[in-house]
Amino acid sequence: MKKTLIVVLTMLIETGLLWILSIIFKWNLMEILFLGGVVIFAILWLFLYSSTQSNNQYNAGVKGGTGQDSERIKLFQFRLSPITLGLLLFIVLSLCLTVFYYYDYFI
């Protein structure tokens, strides 16, 4: 139940953020819905990748400078948390809505 709530809240927050951006830039929400979702997901992905990379650089520096094992170097593995699941579901739903909205242009 708690994970479902986090997924739904993530999708609502992302929708609200994109809605505010559409108001600020005076764009139609449907124009930025899908690409905005992809950009937000990409920012999260790069943040997680960067933090793993920084930890690996620090651990390699400690090992090279002092010879002590602080931690092992870890491979970056993207884990599916409730927040990332909400972001992915938002991307899928926004893609479906965008295709439905612009269906006449695809034919």
N, C-alpha and C. Protein backbone atom coordinates (compact mmCIF):
# COMPACT_ATOMS: atom_id res chain seq x y z
N MET A 1 0.82 -1.20 0.00
CA MET A 1 0.00 0.00 0.00
C MET A 1 0.86 1.26 0.00
N LYS A 2 1.95 1.23 0.79
CA LYS A 2 2.83 2.39 0.88
C LYS A 2 3.55 2.62 -0.45
N LYS A 3 3.97 1.52 -1.10
CA LYS A 3 4.66 1.66 -2.38
C LYS A 3 3.72 2.18 -3.47
N THR A 4 2.49 1.73 -3.43
CA THR A 4 1.50 2.22 -4.39
C THR A 4 1.27 3.71 -4.21
N LEU A 5 1.20 4.15 -2.97
CA LEU A 5 1.03 5.57 -2.69
C LEU A 5 2.21 6.39 -3.20
N ILE A 6 3.42 5.87 -3.03
CA ILE A 6 4.61 6.57 -3.51
C ILE A 6 4.60 6.66 -5.03
N VAL A 7 4.19 5.58 -5.70
CA VAL A 7 4.12 5.58 -7.17
C VAL A 7 3.11 6.62 -7.64
N VAL A 8 1.94 6.65 -7.03
CA VAL A 8 0.90 7.60 -7.43
C VAL A 8 1.33 9.04 -7.13
N LEU A 9 1.93 9.27 -5.98
CA LEU A 9 2.41 10.62 -5.64
C LEU A 9 3.50 11.07 -6.59
N THR A 10 4.37 10.17 -6.99
CA THR A 10 5.42 10.51 -7.95
C THR A 10 4.81 10.95 -9.27
N MET A 11 3.81 10.23 -9.72
CA MET A 11 3.16 10.59 -10.98
C MET A 11 2.41 11.92 -10.86
N LEU A 12 1.77 12.16 -9.72
CA LEU A 12 1.06 13.44 -9.52
C LEU A 12 2.03 14.61 -9.43
N ILE A 13 3.14 14.43 -8.75
CA ILE A 13 4.14 15.50 -8.64
C ILE A 13 4.74 15.81 -10.01
N GLU A 14 5.03 14.77 -10.77
CA GLU A 14 5.58 14.98 -12.10
C GLU A 14 4.57 15.69 -13.01
N THR A 15 3.31 15.31 -12.92
CA THR A 15 2.27 15.98 -13.70
C THR A 15 2.15 17.44 -13.29
N GLY A 16 2.16 17.71 -11.99
CA GLY A 16 2.09 19.08 -11.51
C GLY A 16 3.27 19.92 -11.95
N LEU A 17 4.46 19.34 -11.90
CA LEU A 17 5.65 20.06 -12.33
C LEU A 17 5.59 20.40 -13.82
N LEU A 18 5.18 19.45 -14.62
CA LEU A 18 5.07 19.72 -16.05
C LEU A 18 3.93 20.68 -16.38
N TRP A 19 2.86 20.62 -15.59
CA TRP A 19 1.76 21.55 -15.79
C TRP A 19 2.20 22.98 -15.48
N ILE A 20 2.96 23.16 -14.40
CA ILE A 20 3.48 24.49 -14.05
C ILE A 20 4.43 24.99 -15.14
N LEU A 21 5.28 24.11 -15.67
CA LEU A 21 6.17 24.51 -16.75
C LEU A 21 5.39 24.90 -18.00
N SER A 22 4.31 24.19 -18.28
CA SER A 22 3.51 24.54 -19.45
C SER A 22 2.83 25.90 -19.27
N ILE A 23 2.46 26.23 -18.05
CA ILE A 23 1.87 27.55 -17.79
C ILE A 23 2.92 28.65 -17.91
N ILE A 24 4.10 28.41 -17.36
CA ILE A 24 5.17 29.41 -17.39
C ILE A 24 5.58 29.73 -18.83
N PHE A 25 5.78 28.68 -19.65
CA PHE A 25 6.23 28.89 -21.02
C PHE A 25 5.09 29.04 -22.02
N LYS A 26 3.84 29.00 -21.52
CA LYS A 26 2.64 29.16 -22.36
C LYS A 26 2.60 28.12 -23.48
N TRP A 27 2.88 26.86 -23.10
CA TRP A 27 2.79 25.74 -24.02
C TRP A 27 1.58 24.91 -23.67
N ASN A 28 1.15 24.11 -24.62
CA ASN A 28 0.10 23.14 -24.36
C ASN A 28 0.70 21.99 -23.55
N LEU A 29 0.00 21.52 -22.54
CA LEU A 29 0.52 20.45 -21.69
C LEU A 29 0.83 19.19 -22.49
N MET A 30 0.01 18.91 -23.48
CA MET A 30 0.23 17.71 -24.28
C MET A 30 1.52 17.76 -25.08
N GLU A 31 2.01 18.97 -25.35
CA GLU A 31 3.25 19.11 -26.11
C GLU A 31 4.48 18.73 -25.30
N ILE A 32 4.43 18.88 -23.99
CA ILE A 32 5.62 18.60 -23.19
C ILE A 32 5.45 17.40 -22.26
N LEU A 33 4.32 16.76 -22.30
CA LEU A 33 4.03 15.68 -21.36
C LEU A 33 5.01 14.52 -21.51
N PHE A 34 5.14 13.97 -22.71
CA PHE A 34 6.00 12.81 -22.90
C PHE A 34 7.48 13.16 -22.77
N LEU A 35 7.90 14.19 -23.50
CA LEU A 35 9.32 14.55 -23.46
C LEU A 35 9.76 15.05 -22.09
N GLY A 36 8.87 15.74 -21.40
CA GLY A 36 9.18 16.17 -20.03
C GLY A 36 9.37 14.99 -19.10
N GLY A 37 8.53 13.95 -19.26
CA GLY A 37 8.68 12.75 -18.45
C GLY A 37 10.00 12.04 -18.72
N VAL A 38 10.39 11.99 -20.00
CA VAL A 38 11.66 11.36 -20.35
C VAL A 38 12.83 12.16 -19.78
N VAL A 39 12.75 13.48 -19.84
CA VAL A 39 13.83 14.32 -19.32
C VAL A 39 13.96 14.15 -17.81
N ILE A 40 12.85 14.12 -17.10
CA ILE A 40 12.91 13.95 -15.64
C ILE A 40 13.48 12.58 -15.30
N PHE A 41 13.10 11.54 -16.04
CA PHE A 41 13.66 10.21 -15.81
C PHE A 41 15.16 10.19 -16.11
N ALA A 42 15.58 10.88 -17.17
CA ALA A 42 16.99 10.93 -17.53
C ALA A 42 17.81 11.66 -16.46
N ILE A 43 17.25 12.71 -15.89
CA ILE A 43 17.95 13.42 -14.82
C ILE A 43 18.15 12.52 -13.62
N LEU A 44 17.13 11.75 -13.25
CA LEU A 44 17.26 10.81 -12.14
C LEU A 44 18.30 9.75 -12.46
N TRP A 45 18.26 9.21 -13.66
CA TRP A 45 19.21 8.18 -14.08
C TRP A 45 20.64 8.72 -13.99
N LEU A 46 20.88 9.91 -14.52
CA LEU A 46 22.23 10.48 -14.49
C LEU A 46 22.68 10.80 -13.07
N PHE A 47 21.77 11.23 -12.21
CA PHE A 47 22.12 11.49 -10.82
C PHE A 47 22.56 10.20 -10.12
N LEU A 48 21.82 9.12 -10.30
CA LEU A 48 22.19 7.85 -9.69
C LEU A 48 23.51 7.32 -10.24
N TYR A 49 23.71 7.46 -11.54
CA TYR A 49 24.96 7.03 -12.16
C TYR A 49 26.13 7.85 -11.65
N SER A 50 25.93 9.15 -11.53
CA SER A 50 27.00 10.03 -11.06
C SER A 50 27.38 9.74 -9.62
N SER A 51 26.40 9.46 -8.77
CA SER A 51 26.74 9.17 -7.37
C SER A 51 27.51 7.86 -7.25
N THR A 52 27.17 6.85 -8.04
CA THR A 52 27.92 5.60 -8.03
C THR A 52 29.33 5.83 -8.54
N GLN A 53 29.47 6.62 -9.60
CA GLN A 53 30.78 6.92 -10.15
C GLN A 53 31.64 7.69 -9.14
N SER A 54 31.07 8.64 -8.44
CA SER A 54 31.82 9.41 -7.44
C SER A 54 32.29 8.52 -6.29
N ASN A 55 31.41 7.63 -5.83
CA ASN A 55 31.81 6.71 -4.77
C ASN A 55 32.93 5.79 -5.23
N ASN A 56 32.86 5.32 -6.46
CA ASN A 56 33.92 4.46 -6.98
C ASN A 56 35.24 5.20 -7.10
N GLN A 57 35.21 6.44 -7.53
CA GLN A 57 36.44 7.23 -7.61
C GLN A 57 37.04 7.47 -6.23
N TYR A 58 36.20 7.76 -5.26
CA TYR A 58 36.68 7.97 -3.90
C TYR A 58 37.31 6.68 -3.35
N ASN A 59 36.64 5.56 -3.52
CA ASN A 59 37.15 4.29 -3.01
C ASN A 59 38.45 3.89 -3.70
N ALA A 60 38.56 4.16 -5.00
CA ALA A 60 39.80 3.86 -5.72
C ALA A 60 40.93 4.77 -5.24
N GLY A 61 40.61 6.03 -4.95
CA GLY A 61 41.62 6.95 -4.43
C GLY A 61 42.12 6.54 -3.06
N VAL A 62 41.21 6.10 -2.20
CA VAL A 62 41.61 5.63 -0.87
C VAL A 62 42.48 4.39 -1.00
N LYS A 63 42.09 3.47 -1.85
CA LYS A 63 42.85 2.23 -2.05
C LYS A 63 44.22 2.54 -2.64
N GLY A 64 44.29 3.44 -3.61
CA GLY A 64 45.56 3.77 -4.23
C GLY A 64 46.47 4.59 -3.34
N GLY A 65 45.90 5.48 -2.53
CA GLY A 65 46.71 6.36 -1.70
C GLY A 65 47.16 5.74 -0.41
N THR A 66 46.33 4.94 0.22
CA THR A 66 46.66 4.38 1.53
C THR A 66 46.81 2.87 1.53
N GLY A 67 46.29 2.22 0.51
CA GLY A 67 46.36 0.76 0.46
C GLY A 67 45.27 0.08 1.28
N GLN A 68 44.40 0.87 1.91
CA GLN A 68 43.34 0.29 2.72
C GLN A 68 42.12 0.01 1.84
N ASP A 69 41.43 -1.04 2.20
CA ASP A 69 40.18 -1.34 1.51
C ASP A 69 39.04 -0.61 2.21
N SER A 70 38.54 0.46 1.59
CA SER A 70 37.41 1.15 2.19
C SER A 70 36.11 0.46 1.79
N GLU A 71 35.90 0.28 0.53
CA GLU A 71 34.77 -0.46 -0.01
C GLU A 71 35.19 -0.98 -1.37
N ARG A 72 34.48 -1.96 -1.84
CA ARG A 72 34.76 -2.48 -3.17
C ARG A 72 34.10 -1.58 -4.21
N ILE A 73 34.68 -1.58 -5.38
CA ILE A 73 34.11 -0.80 -6.47
C ILE A 73 32.87 -1.53 -6.98
N LYS A 74 31.78 -0.79 -7.12
CA LYS A 74 30.50 -1.38 -7.48
C LYS A 74 30.14 -1.03 -8.91
N LEU A 75 29.52 -1.96 -9.58
CA LEU A 75 28.95 -1.69 -10.89
C LEU A 75 27.66 -0.90 -10.72
N PHE A 76 27.40 -0.05 -11.69
CA PHE A 76 26.15 0.69 -11.64
C PHE A 76 25.02 -0.23 -12.08
N GLN A 77 24.05 -0.41 -11.19
CA GLN A 77 22.87 -1.19 -11.51
C GLN A 77 21.65 -0.35 -11.16
N PHE A 78 20.83 -0.14 -12.15
CA PHE A 78 19.65 0.67 -11.93
C PHE A 78 18.59 -0.18 -11.24
N ARG A 79 18.17 0.24 -10.07
CA ARG A 79 17.18 -0.51 -9.31
C ARG A 79 15.80 0.13 -9.49
N LEU A 80 14.81 -0.71 -9.51
CA LEU A 80 13.44 -0.24 -9.73
C LEU A 80 12.78 0.03 -8.39
N SER A 81 12.90 1.27 -7.93
CA SER A 81 12.25 1.69 -6.69
C SER A 81 10.85 2.20 -7.02
N PRO A 82 10.03 2.46 -6.01
CA PRO A 82 8.69 3.01 -6.30
C PRO A 82 8.73 4.33 -7.05
N ILE A 83 9.73 5.14 -6.80
CA ILE A 83 9.83 6.43 -7.49
C ILE A 83 10.15 6.21 -8.97
N THR A 84 11.13 5.36 -9.26
CA THR A 84 11.46 5.10 -10.66
C THR A 84 10.32 4.38 -11.37
N LEU A 85 9.60 3.53 -10.66
CA LEU A 85 8.44 2.87 -11.25
C LEU A 85 7.37 3.90 -11.60
N GLY A 86 7.16 4.87 -10.72
CA GLY A 86 6.21 5.95 -11.01
C GLY A 86 6.63 6.77 -12.21
N LEU A 87 7.93 7.04 -12.34
CA LEU A 87 8.42 7.80 -13.49
C LEU A 87 8.23 7.01 -14.78
N LEU A 88 8.53 5.71 -14.74
CA LEU A 88 8.36 4.88 -15.93
C LEU A 88 6.89 4.73 -16.32
N LEU A 89 6.02 4.56 -15.33
CA LEU A 89 4.59 4.49 -15.62
C LEU A 89 4.08 5.81 -16.20
N PHE A 90 4.60 6.91 -15.69
CA PHE A 90 4.22 8.22 -16.24
C PHE A 90 4.63 8.33 -17.70
N ILE A 91 5.82 7.86 -18.04
CA ILE A 91 6.29 7.92 -19.42
C ILE A 91 5.38 7.08 -20.32
N VAL A 92 5.04 5.89 -19.87
CA VAL A 92 4.18 5.01 -20.68
C VAL A 92 2.79 5.63 -20.86
N LEU A 93 2.21 6.12 -19.76
CA LEU A 93 0.88 6.73 -19.86
C LEU A 93 0.89 8.00 -20.71
N SER A 94 1.94 8.81 -20.54
CA SER A 94 1.99 10.04 -21.34
C SER A 94 2.23 9.73 -22.81
N LEU A 95 2.96 8.66 -23.12
CA LEU A 95 3.12 8.26 -24.52
C LEU A 95 1.77 7.83 -25.10
N CYS A 96 1.03 7.04 -24.33
CA CYS A 96 -0.31 6.62 -24.78
C CYS A 96 -1.23 7.82 -24.99
N LEU A 97 -1.22 8.76 -24.05
CA LEU A 97 -2.05 9.95 -24.18
C LEU A 97 -1.64 10.81 -25.38
N THR A 98 -0.35 10.93 -25.60
CA THR A 98 0.14 11.73 -26.71
C THR A 98 -0.24 11.10 -28.04
N VAL A 99 -0.09 9.78 -28.16
CA VAL A 99 -0.47 9.11 -29.39
C VAL A 99 -1.98 9.23 -29.62
N PHE A 100 -2.76 9.08 -28.56
CA PHE A 100 -4.21 9.22 -28.69
C PHE A 100 -4.60 10.64 -29.08
N TYR A 101 -3.94 11.64 -28.47
CA TYR A 101 -4.26 13.04 -28.73
C TYR A 101 -3.90 13.44 -30.16
N TYR A 102 -2.74 12.98 -30.64
CA TYR A 102 -2.27 13.33 -31.97
C TYR A 102 -2.49 12.20 -32.98
N TYR A 103 -3.50 11.38 -32.75
CA TYR A 103 -3.77 10.23 -33.61
C TYR A 103 -4.00 10.63 -35.07
N ASP A 104 -4.68 11.72 -35.30
CA ASP A 104 -4.95 12.17 -36.67
C ASP A 104 -3.67 12.51 -37.43
N TYR A 105 -2.63 12.94 -36.73
CA TYR A 105 -1.38 13.29 -37.40
C TYR A 105 -0.55 12.06 -37.75
N PHE A 106 -0.80 10.94 -37.08
CA PHE A 106 -0.04 9.72 -37.34
C PHE A 106 -0.56 8.97 -38.56
N ILE A 107 -1.78 9.25 -38.95
CA ILE A 107 -2.37 8.52 -40.09
C ILE A 107 -1.95 9.11 -41.39
